[in-house]
Amino acid sequence: MNGAPRIAALIVAAGRGVRSGGEIPKQYRDLAGKPVLRHAIDALRDHPRIDMVQVVIGEGQESLYAAAIGEALLPPPVLGGATRRNSVLAGLAACEADIILIHDAARPFVPAAVIDRLLAAFDHHDGAVAALPVVDTLARGDELLGDTVSREGLWRIQTPQAFRRADIIAAHQAWPEYREATDDAQVARAAGYRIAVVEGDRRLEKLTYSADFDAAAERVTMISRSASGFDVHAFAEGDRVHLGGIAIPHSRGLAGHSDADVALHALTDALLGTIAAGDIGSHFPPSDPQWRGADSEIFLDHARSLVSAAGGVIDFVDLTIICEAPKVGPHRAAIQANIARILGLSEMQVSVKATTTERLGFTGRKEGIAAQAIATIRMAQPR
């Protein structure tokens, strides 16, 4: 290969996952604020050496997949086949890469160090698997305990498993159709490829039963993040102002490309800040004519959806509106209720306050309205 090899992660997510319980396949179940599949996608996509992530889904799972990935930019999903091998081959055909990391969606946490070890193995081997040594005593038996079995040299195989794309495609094509493989390394070994074993990680345990979700949740630490937002709009011609999505009669309006809702704009920036997603202008440029006169609820709901897609849970928002007029007090409860509705929060999670600058500055001279906001969220961080 000339230059650095192109590396893709192929996530197999076409299973039904019935043993884990629940009404939807396990890869779409919530785990610490976001779907199991999204945890795996984010971990692989964030690794600096992985160039693309391709997902294989089951027929009829399109809407579940779309909800799971949110606004993440990924190639279109590939529909899997009747068996895992068929699904893997469909995914391999869609991956334009030199090296493929094949991963089970039911393993949500993928430590970067494991990926590093897999890729380093290509210096001397045809591929590599992540694995952990067997530490429990093994024994034969049915109703009665039989003889113990030596655990020396035994491994618990995990994913990701790494192969050169051409090699693993050839290996799958040579595998007998009547025989189902338990994993891709088995297929590669049968074709004569030398597959290295690298150290896996307990965080890569597969989610199979309902209790596994409880154990996985214990491996996640929810960390708190807070960010602030600030916005200002000058008065202009008009007979009302929009604050917190509520139209308030006034002798003047507010100047802005959208509806100039200074309160919702400040809240939008605060929420975007909690996930380091830029500011409102980067998502809704004032130079774009489609946002002329737009309802600012669109902006706040977009920020809410980005936080959710990143696995964040909004805990609390605090808003301060700064102006001499109009009087905010009579409308405070309506503003609070409307913000709670947009964000899917209880009203106890939304604080709305108003103040003046004692007639100092542009707000004191009644030239405009300012607003500042703080948002606090929780985000999952695997231990």
Protein backbone atom coordinates (compact mmCIF):
# COMPACT_ATOMS: atom_id res chain seq x y z
CA MET A 1 0.00 0.00 0.00
CA ASN A 2 1.27 3.46 -0.84
CA GLY A 3 1.16 5.90 2.06
CA ALA A 4 -0.91 5.40 5.18
CA PRO A 5 -3.62 2.75 4.83
CA ARG A 6 -7.23 3.88 4.89
CA ILE A 7 -8.94 2.38 7.93
CA ALA A 8 -12.67 1.76 8.33
CA ALA A 9 -14.75 0.51 11.24
CA LEU A 10 -17.61 -1.79 10.29
CA ILE A 11 -20.28 -2.07 12.98
CA VAL A 12 -22.59 -5.06 12.63
CA ALA A 13 -25.95 -3.97 14.07
CA ALA A 14 -28.42 -6.14 12.18
CA GLY A 15 -29.39 -8.46 15.03
CA ARG A 16 -32.72 -8.62 16.85
CA GLY A 17 -31.30 -8.88 20.38
CA VAL A 18 -34.31 -10.67 21.90
CA ARG A 19 -32.44 -12.22 24.85
CA SER A 20 -31.77 -8.83 26.45
CA GLY A 21 -35.49 -8.12 26.85
CA GLY A 22 -37.15 -4.84 25.97
CA GLU A 23 -39.34 -3.88 23.05
CA ILE A 24 -36.57 -2.94 20.63
CA PRO A 25 -33.30 -4.63 19.59
CA LYS A 26 -30.60 -4.19 22.22
CA GLN A 27 -28.35 -2.06 20.00
CA TYR A 28 -31.02 0.66 20.07
CA ARG A 29 -31.78 0.53 23.78
CA ASP A 30 -30.77 3.46 25.94
CA LEU A 31 -27.59 3.18 27.96
CA ALA A 32 -26.60 6.17 30.10
CA GLY A 33 -28.34 8.74 27.94
CA LYS A 34 -27.82 7.43 24.41
CA PRO A 35 -28.41 4.24 22.41
CA VAL A 36 -25.95 1.37 22.70
CA LEU A 37 -25.15 1.69 18.98
CA ARG A 38 -24.35 5.39 19.30
CA HIS A 39 -21.82 4.66 22.07
CA ALA A 40 -19.98 2.30 19.72
CA ILE A 41 -20.18 4.70 16.78
CA ASP A 42 -18.80 7.61 18.80
CA ALA A 43 -15.92 5.60 20.25
CA LEU A 44 -14.79 4.35 16.85
CA ARG A 45 -15.41 7.60 14.99
CA ASP A 46 -13.42 9.59 17.56
CA HIS A 47 -10.27 7.49 17.13
CA PRO A 48 -7.76 9.57 15.11
CA ARG A 49 -6.73 6.68 12.83
CA ILE A 50 -10.21 5.59 11.79
CA ASP A 51 -11.27 7.28 8.56
CA MET A 52 -14.88 6.10 8.29
CA VAL A 53 -17.56 4.20 10.19
CA GLN A 54 -20.00 2.00 8.28
CA VAL A 55 -23.02 0.43 10.00
CA VAL A 56 -24.96 -2.65 8.90
CA ILE A 57 -28.57 -2.71 10.11
CA GLY A 58 -31.46 -5.16 9.90
CA GLU A 59 -34.41 -4.79 7.60
CA GLY A 60 -37.09 -2.61 9.17
CA GLN A 61 -34.62 -0.91 11.53
CA GLU A 62 -34.21 2.25 9.45
CA SER A 63 -36.19 4.52 11.77
CA LEU A 64 -34.49 3.14 14.89
CA TYR A 65 -31.11 3.72 13.26
CA ALA A 66 -31.96 7.29 12.26
CA ALA A 67 -33.07 8.10 15.81
CA ALA A 68 -29.94 6.49 17.27
CA ILE A 69 -27.40 8.44 15.20
CA GLY A 70 -29.22 11.78 15.33
CA GLU A 71 -27.31 14.30 13.24
CA ALA A 72 -24.06 12.33 13.12
CA LEU A 73 -22.61 12.42 9.61
CA LEU A 74 -22.18 8.81 8.52
CA PRO A 75 -22.44 6.91 5.22
CA PRO A 76 -25.91 5.47 4.58
CA PRO A 77 -26.42 2.23 6.50
CA VAL A 78 -26.22 -1.08 4.67
CA LEU A 79 -28.98 -3.66 5.05
CA GLY A 80 -27.72 -6.96 6.45
CA GLY A 81 -28.58 -10.45 5.36
CA ALA A 82 -30.09 -13.59 6.85
CA THR A 83 -26.89 -14.49 8.72
CA ARG A 84 -24.12 -12.55 10.39
CA ARG A 85 -21.73 -13.56 7.60
CA ASN A 86 -24.11 -12.16 4.99
CA SER A 87 -24.31 -8.92 6.96
CA VAL A 88 -20.53 -8.66 7.25
CA LEU A 89 -20.06 -9.23 3.52
CA ALA A 90 -22.65 -6.55 2.74
CA GLY A 91 -20.81 -4.12 4.98
CA LEU A 92 -17.39 -4.99 3.55
CA ALA A 93 -18.66 -4.25 0.05
CA ALA A 94 -19.58 -0.72 1.18
CA CYS A 95 -16.25 0.02 2.89
CA GLU A 96 -13.65 1.58 0.65
CA ALA A 97 -10.67 1.01 2.92
CA ASP A 98 -7.48 -1.02 3.22
CA ILE A 99 -7.98 -2.22 6.79
CA ILE A 100 -11.33 -3.04 8.38
CA LEU A 101 -12.15 -3.21 12.09
CA ILE A 102 -15.25 -5.41 12.39
CA HIS A 103 -17.18 -4.70 15.58
CA ASP A 104 -20.37 -5.93 17.24
CA ALA A 105 -22.83 -3.14 18.05
CA ALA A 106 -23.65 -4.87 21.34
CA ARG A 107 -20.22 -3.88 22.67
CA PRO A 108 -20.79 -0.15 23.28
CA PHE A 109 -17.50 0.84 24.89
CA VAL A 110 -14.40 0.65 22.69
CA PRO A 111 -11.22 1.86 24.42
CA ALA A 112 -8.84 3.68 22.11
CA ALA A 113 -5.89 1.68 23.48
CA VAL A 114 -7.44 -1.56 22.17
CA ILE A 115 -7.75 -0.05 18.69
CA ASP A 116 -4.10 1.00 18.87
CA ARG A 117 -3.03 -2.54 19.78
CA LEU A 118 -5.07 -4.06 16.94
CA LEU A 119 -3.54 -1.77 14.34
CA ALA A 120 0.01 -2.28 15.64
CA ALA A 121 -0.36 -6.04 15.11
CA PHE A 122 -0.30 -5.58 11.32
CA ASP A 123 3.46 -5.06 11.53
CA HIS A 124 3.89 -8.85 11.87
CA HIS A 125 0.47 -10.48 11.32
CA ASP A 126 -2.39 -10.65 8.83
CA GLY A 127 -4.96 -9.49 11.36
CA ALA A 128 -5.70 -9.25 15.04
CA VAL A 129 -8.43 -9.84 17.60
CA ALA A 130 -8.99 -8.34 21.04
CA ALA A 131 -9.25 -10.99 23.75
CA LEU A 132 -9.04 -11.58 27.48
CA PRO A 133 -7.53 -14.68 29.11
CA VAL A 134 -9.91 -17.15 30.75
CA VAL A 135 -9.43 -16.86 34.51
CA ASP A 136 -12.28 -19.03 35.82
CA THR A 137 -11.97 -22.76 36.48
CA LEU A 138 -13.42 -24.74 33.57
CA ALA A 139 -15.05 -28.13 33.93
CA ARG A 140 -17.09 -30.58 31.91
CA GLY A 141 -20.42 -31.78 33.15
CA ASP A 142 -24.15 -31.88 32.80
CA GLU A 143 -26.20 -32.35 35.95
CA LEU A 144 -23.09 -33.60 37.73
CA LEU A 145 -19.71 -31.87 37.74
CA GLY A 146 -17.13 -33.62 35.62
CA ASP A 147 -13.41 -33.23 35.10
CA THR A 148 -11.81 -29.81 35.00
CA VAL A 149 -10.35 -28.52 31.77
CA SER A 150 -7.06 -26.66 31.58
CA ARG A 151 -7.58 -22.97 30.92
CA GLU A 152 -4.00 -22.49 29.78
CA GLY A 153 -3.93 -20.80 26.41
CA LEU A 154 -7.69 -20.15 26.37
CA TRP A 155 -9.05 -16.72 25.47
CA ARG A 156 -12.40 -14.95 25.52
CA ILE A 157 -12.58 -13.37 22.09
CA GLN A 158 -13.97 -9.86 21.74
CA THR A 159 -14.42 -7.31 18.99
CA PRO A 160 -13.18 -5.19 17.22
CA GLN A 161 -11.34 -7.66 15.01
CA ALA A 162 -8.97 -6.18 12.44
CA PHE A 163 -8.18 -7.49 8.95
CA ARG A 164 -7.00 -6.33 5.57
CA ARG A 165 -10.17 -5.82 3.57
CA ALA A 166 -9.12 -7.97 0.62
CA ASP A 167 -8.09 -10.81 2.94
CA ILE A 168 -11.27 -10.98 4.97
CA ILE A 169 -13.48 -10.75 1.86
CA ALA A 170 -11.58 -13.65 0.28
CA ALA A 171 -11.82 -15.65 3.50
CA HIS A 172 -15.58 -15.17 3.74
CA GLN A 173 -16.06 -16.10 0.10
CA ALA A 174 -14.12 -19.34 0.69
CA TRP A 175 -16.09 -20.28 3.82
CA PRO A 176 -18.68 -23.09 3.31
CA GLU A 177 -22.19 -21.69 2.95
CA TYR A 178 -23.73 -24.50 5.02
CA ARG A 179 -21.61 -23.63 8.07
CA GLU A 180 -22.13 -20.55 10.23
CA ALA A 181 -19.06 -18.92 11.77
CA THR A 182 -19.06 -17.58 15.31
CA ASP A 183 -16.80 -14.66 14.40
CA ASP A 184 -14.68 -13.28 11.58
CA ALA A 185 -11.35 -14.40 13.06
CA GLN A 186 -12.52 -18.03 12.73
CA VAL A 187 -13.17 -17.40 9.02
CA ALA A 188 -9.77 -15.74 8.54
CA ARG A 189 -7.87 -18.53 10.29
CA ALA A 190 -9.62 -21.17 8.19
CA ALA A 191 -8.32 -19.38 5.09
CA GLY A 192 -4.74 -19.61 6.39
CA TYR A 193 -4.23 -16.08 7.71
CA ARG A 194 -2.11 -15.49 10.82
CA ILE A 195 -4.26 -13.69 13.38
CA ALA A 196 -2.66 -12.10 16.43
CA VAL A 197 -4.26 -11.93 19.87
CA VAL A 198 -3.96 -8.54 21.54
CA GLU A 199 -5.05 -7.51 25.00
CA GLY A 200 -8.75 -6.71 25.15
CA ASP A 201 -10.63 -4.84 27.83
CA ARG A 202 -13.42 -5.62 30.31
CA ARG A 203 -15.29 -2.62 28.97
CA LEU A 204 -15.73 -4.57 25.73
CA GLU A 205 -18.04 -7.11 27.37
CA LYS A 206 -20.97 -7.93 25.10
CA LEU A 207 -24.50 -6.98 26.13
CA THR A 208 -26.58 -10.14 25.85
CA TYR A 209 -28.97 -10.32 28.79
CA SER A 210 -30.91 -7.68 30.70
CA ALA A 211 -28.50 -7.87 33.63
CA ASP A 212 -25.64 -6.96 31.28
CA PHE A 213 -27.19 -3.52 30.81
CA ASP A 214 -27.13 -2.93 34.56
CA ALA A 215 -23.46 -3.91 34.68
CA ALA A 216 -22.66 -1.67 31.70
CA ALA A 217 -24.43 1.28 33.31
CA GLU A 218 -22.18 0.89 36.34
CA ARG A 219 -19.18 1.39 34.05
CA VAL A 220 -20.44 4.83 33.06
CA THR A 221 -19.76 7.98 35.02
CA MET A 222 -22.14 10.87 34.37
CA ILE A 223 -20.09 14.06 34.36
CA SER A 224 -21.58 17.53 34.69
CA ARG A 225 -21.02 20.29 32.15
CA SER A 226 -22.16 23.90 32.29
CA ALA A 227 -21.92 26.65 29.67
CA SER A 228 -23.18 30.19 29.28
CA GLY A 229 -24.85 32.09 26.47
CA PHE A 230 -25.37 35.79 25.84
CA ASP A 231 -27.31 37.71 23.22
CA VAL A 232 -28.52 41.23 22.53
CA HIS A 233 -30.91 42.80 20.03
CA ALA A 234 -31.65 46.45 19.40
CA PHE A 235 -35.16 47.86 19.28
CA ALA A 236 -36.70 48.54 15.88
CA GLU A 237 -40.09 49.30 14.40
CA GLY A 238 -42.83 46.97 15.57
CA ASP A 239 -45.58 46.38 18.07
CA ARG A 240 -44.29 43.32 19.98
CA VAL A 241 -41.16 41.53 21.12
CA HIS A 242 -40.59 37.79 21.35
CA LEU A 243 -39.09 36.61 24.64
CA GLY A 244 -38.81 32.92 25.40
CA GLY A 245 -41.16 32.17 22.54
CA ILE A 246 -43.89 34.41 23.94
CA ALA A 247 -45.09 37.41 21.92
CA ILE A 248 -45.28 40.38 24.30
CA PRO A 249 -47.08 43.56 23.14
CA HIS A 250 -44.75 46.57 23.16
CA SER A 251 -44.36 49.93 21.49
CA ARG A 252 -41.37 48.64 19.54
CA GLY A 253 -40.06 45.36 18.12
CA LEU A 254 -36.56 43.88 18.08
CA ALA A 255 -34.21 43.94 15.09
CA GLY A 256 -32.86 40.61 13.92
CA HIS A 257 -32.66 38.20 11.02
CA SER A 258 -34.98 35.72 12.73
CA ASP A 259 -37.71 36.70 15.18
CA ALA A 260 -34.94 38.24 17.34
CA ASP A 261 -35.92 36.27 20.45
CA VAL A 262 -32.98 37.30 22.57
CA ALA A 263 -33.93 34.89 25.38
CA LEU A 264 -34.07 31.76 23.23
CA HIS A 265 -30.89 32.78 21.43
CA ALA A 266 -28.97 33.02 24.72
CA LEU A 267 -30.32 29.64 25.81
CA THR A 268 -29.41 28.10 22.46
CA ASP A 269 -25.82 29.27 22.77
CA ALA A 270 -25.61 27.98 26.34
CA LEU A 271 -26.76 24.50 25.32
CA LEU A 272 -24.45 24.42 22.30
CA GLY A 273 -21.62 25.38 24.61
CA THR A 274 -22.16 22.36 26.86
CA ILE A 275 -21.18 20.05 23.99
CA ALA A 276 -18.62 22.40 22.41
CA ALA A 277 -20.80 22.72 19.29
CA GLY A 278 -20.08 26.34 18.39
CA ASP A 279 -22.66 29.09 18.54
CA ILE A 280 -26.05 29.81 17.04
CA GLY A 281 -24.54 31.64 14.08
CA SER A 282 -22.54 28.61 12.98
CA HIS A 283 -25.71 26.50 12.82
CA PHE A 284 -28.10 29.17 11.53
CA PRO A 285 -26.06 31.80 9.64
CA PRO A 286 -27.81 35.18 9.41
CA SER A 287 -26.63 35.31 5.79
CA ASP A 288 -28.91 32.36 4.97
CA PRO A 289 -32.29 33.68 3.75
CA GLN A 290 -34.18 30.60 4.97
CA TRP A 291 -33.84 31.84 8.56
CA ARG A 292 -35.30 35.29 7.87
CA GLY A 293 -38.11 35.78 10.37
CA ALA A 294 -37.69 32.21 11.65
CA ASP A 295 -39.25 31.12 14.93
CA SER A 296 -36.36 30.83 17.39
CA GLU A 297 -37.95 27.73 18.89
CA ILE A 298 -36.36 25.96 15.91
CA PHE A 299 -32.92 27.02 17.11
CA LEU A 300 -33.43 25.94 20.72
CA ASP A 301 -34.94 22.61 19.72
CA HIS A 302 -31.97 22.00 17.42
CA ALA A 303 -29.55 22.61 20.29
CA ARG A 304 -31.62 20.28 22.50
CA SER A 305 -31.45 17.53 19.86
CA LEU A 306 -27.66 17.91 19.52
CA VAL A 307 -27.22 17.57 23.27
CA SER A 308 -29.40 14.46 23.26
CA ALA A 309 -27.54 12.95 20.29
CA ALA A 310 -24.25 13.48 22.14
CA GLY A 311 -25.63 11.51 25.08
CA GLY A 312 -26.30 14.56 27.21
CA VAL A 313 -29.15 14.96 29.67
CA ILE A 314 -30.27 18.53 30.38
CA ASP A 315 -30.52 19.09 34.13
CA PHE A 316 -31.25 22.81 34.44
CA VAL A 317 -31.31 26.08 32.52
CA ASP A 318 -31.20 29.56 34.00
CA LEU A 319 -32.16 32.66 32.01
CA THR A 320 -31.84 36.34 32.90
CA ILE A 321 -33.53 38.93 30.68
CA ILE A 322 -32.07 42.42 30.94
CA CYS A 323 -34.21 45.39 29.92
CA GLU A 324 -36.08 48.48 31.18
CA ALA A 325 -39.17 47.64 29.14
CA PRO A 326 -41.33 45.76 28.51
CA LYS A 327 -41.98 44.42 31.99
CA VAL A 328 -41.11 40.72 32.03
CA GLY A 329 -42.75 39.84 35.36
CA PRO A 330 -46.31 39.43 34.05
CA HIS A 331 -45.04 37.03 31.38
CA ARG A 332 -42.42 35.13 33.39
CA ALA A 333 -44.59 32.05 34.07
CA ALA A 334 -45.57 31.74 30.41
CA ILE A 335 -41.94 32.06 29.31
CA GLN A 336 -40.86 29.44 31.86
CA ALA A 337 -43.58 27.00 30.77
CA ASN A 338 -42.78 27.46 27.08
CA ILE A 339 -39.04 26.89 27.52
CA ALA A 340 -39.79 23.76 29.58
CA ARG A 341 -42.01 22.49 26.77
CA ILE A 342 -39.38 23.04 24.07
CA LEU A 343 -36.66 21.33 26.09
CA GLY A 344 -38.82 18.52 27.45
CA LEU A 345 -38.16 19.58 31.04
CA SER A 346 -40.30 20.22 34.08
CA GLU A 347 -40.85 23.86 34.97
CA MET A 348 -38.76 23.28 38.10
CA GLN A 349 -35.78 22.77 35.79
CA VAL A 350 -36.20 26.18 34.16
CA SER A 351 -35.37 29.45 35.90
CA VAL A 352 -36.45 32.74 34.34
CA LYS A 353 -35.44 36.05 35.90
CA ALA A 354 -35.51 39.67 34.80
CA THR A 355 -33.47 42.66 35.83
CA THR A 356 -32.49 46.14 34.73
CA THR A 357 -29.14 47.93 34.59
CA GLU A 358 -30.42 50.84 36.68
CA ARG A 359 -30.75 52.91 33.49
CA LEU A 360 -27.06 52.43 32.65
CA GLY A 361 -25.79 51.32 29.26
CA PHE A 362 -27.78 50.58 26.11
CA THR A 363 -30.47 48.61 27.95
CA GLY A 364 -30.77 51.40 30.50
CA ARG A 365 -31.27 53.88 27.66
CA LYS A 366 -34.02 51.58 26.29
CA GLU A 367 -32.07 50.92 23.10
CA GLY A 368 -32.48 47.13 23.22
CA ILE A 369 -32.76 43.96 25.27
CA ALA A 370 -30.01 41.60 26.44
CA ALA A 371 -30.19 38.10 27.86
CA GLN A 372 -27.74 35.76 29.49
CA ALA A 373 -28.23 32.07 30.17
CA ILE A 374 -26.52 29.13 31.81
CA ALA A 375 -27.25 25.49 30.97
CA THR A 376 -26.16 22.44 32.94
CA ILE A 377 -26.18 18.94 31.48
CA ARG A 378 -24.87 15.47 32.33
CA MET A 379 -22.89 13.36 29.87
CA ALA A 380 -21.79 9.76 29.97
CA GLN A 381 -18.12 8.98 30.35
CA PRO A 382 -17.22 5.26 30.37
CA ARG A 383 -14.95 4.16 33.19
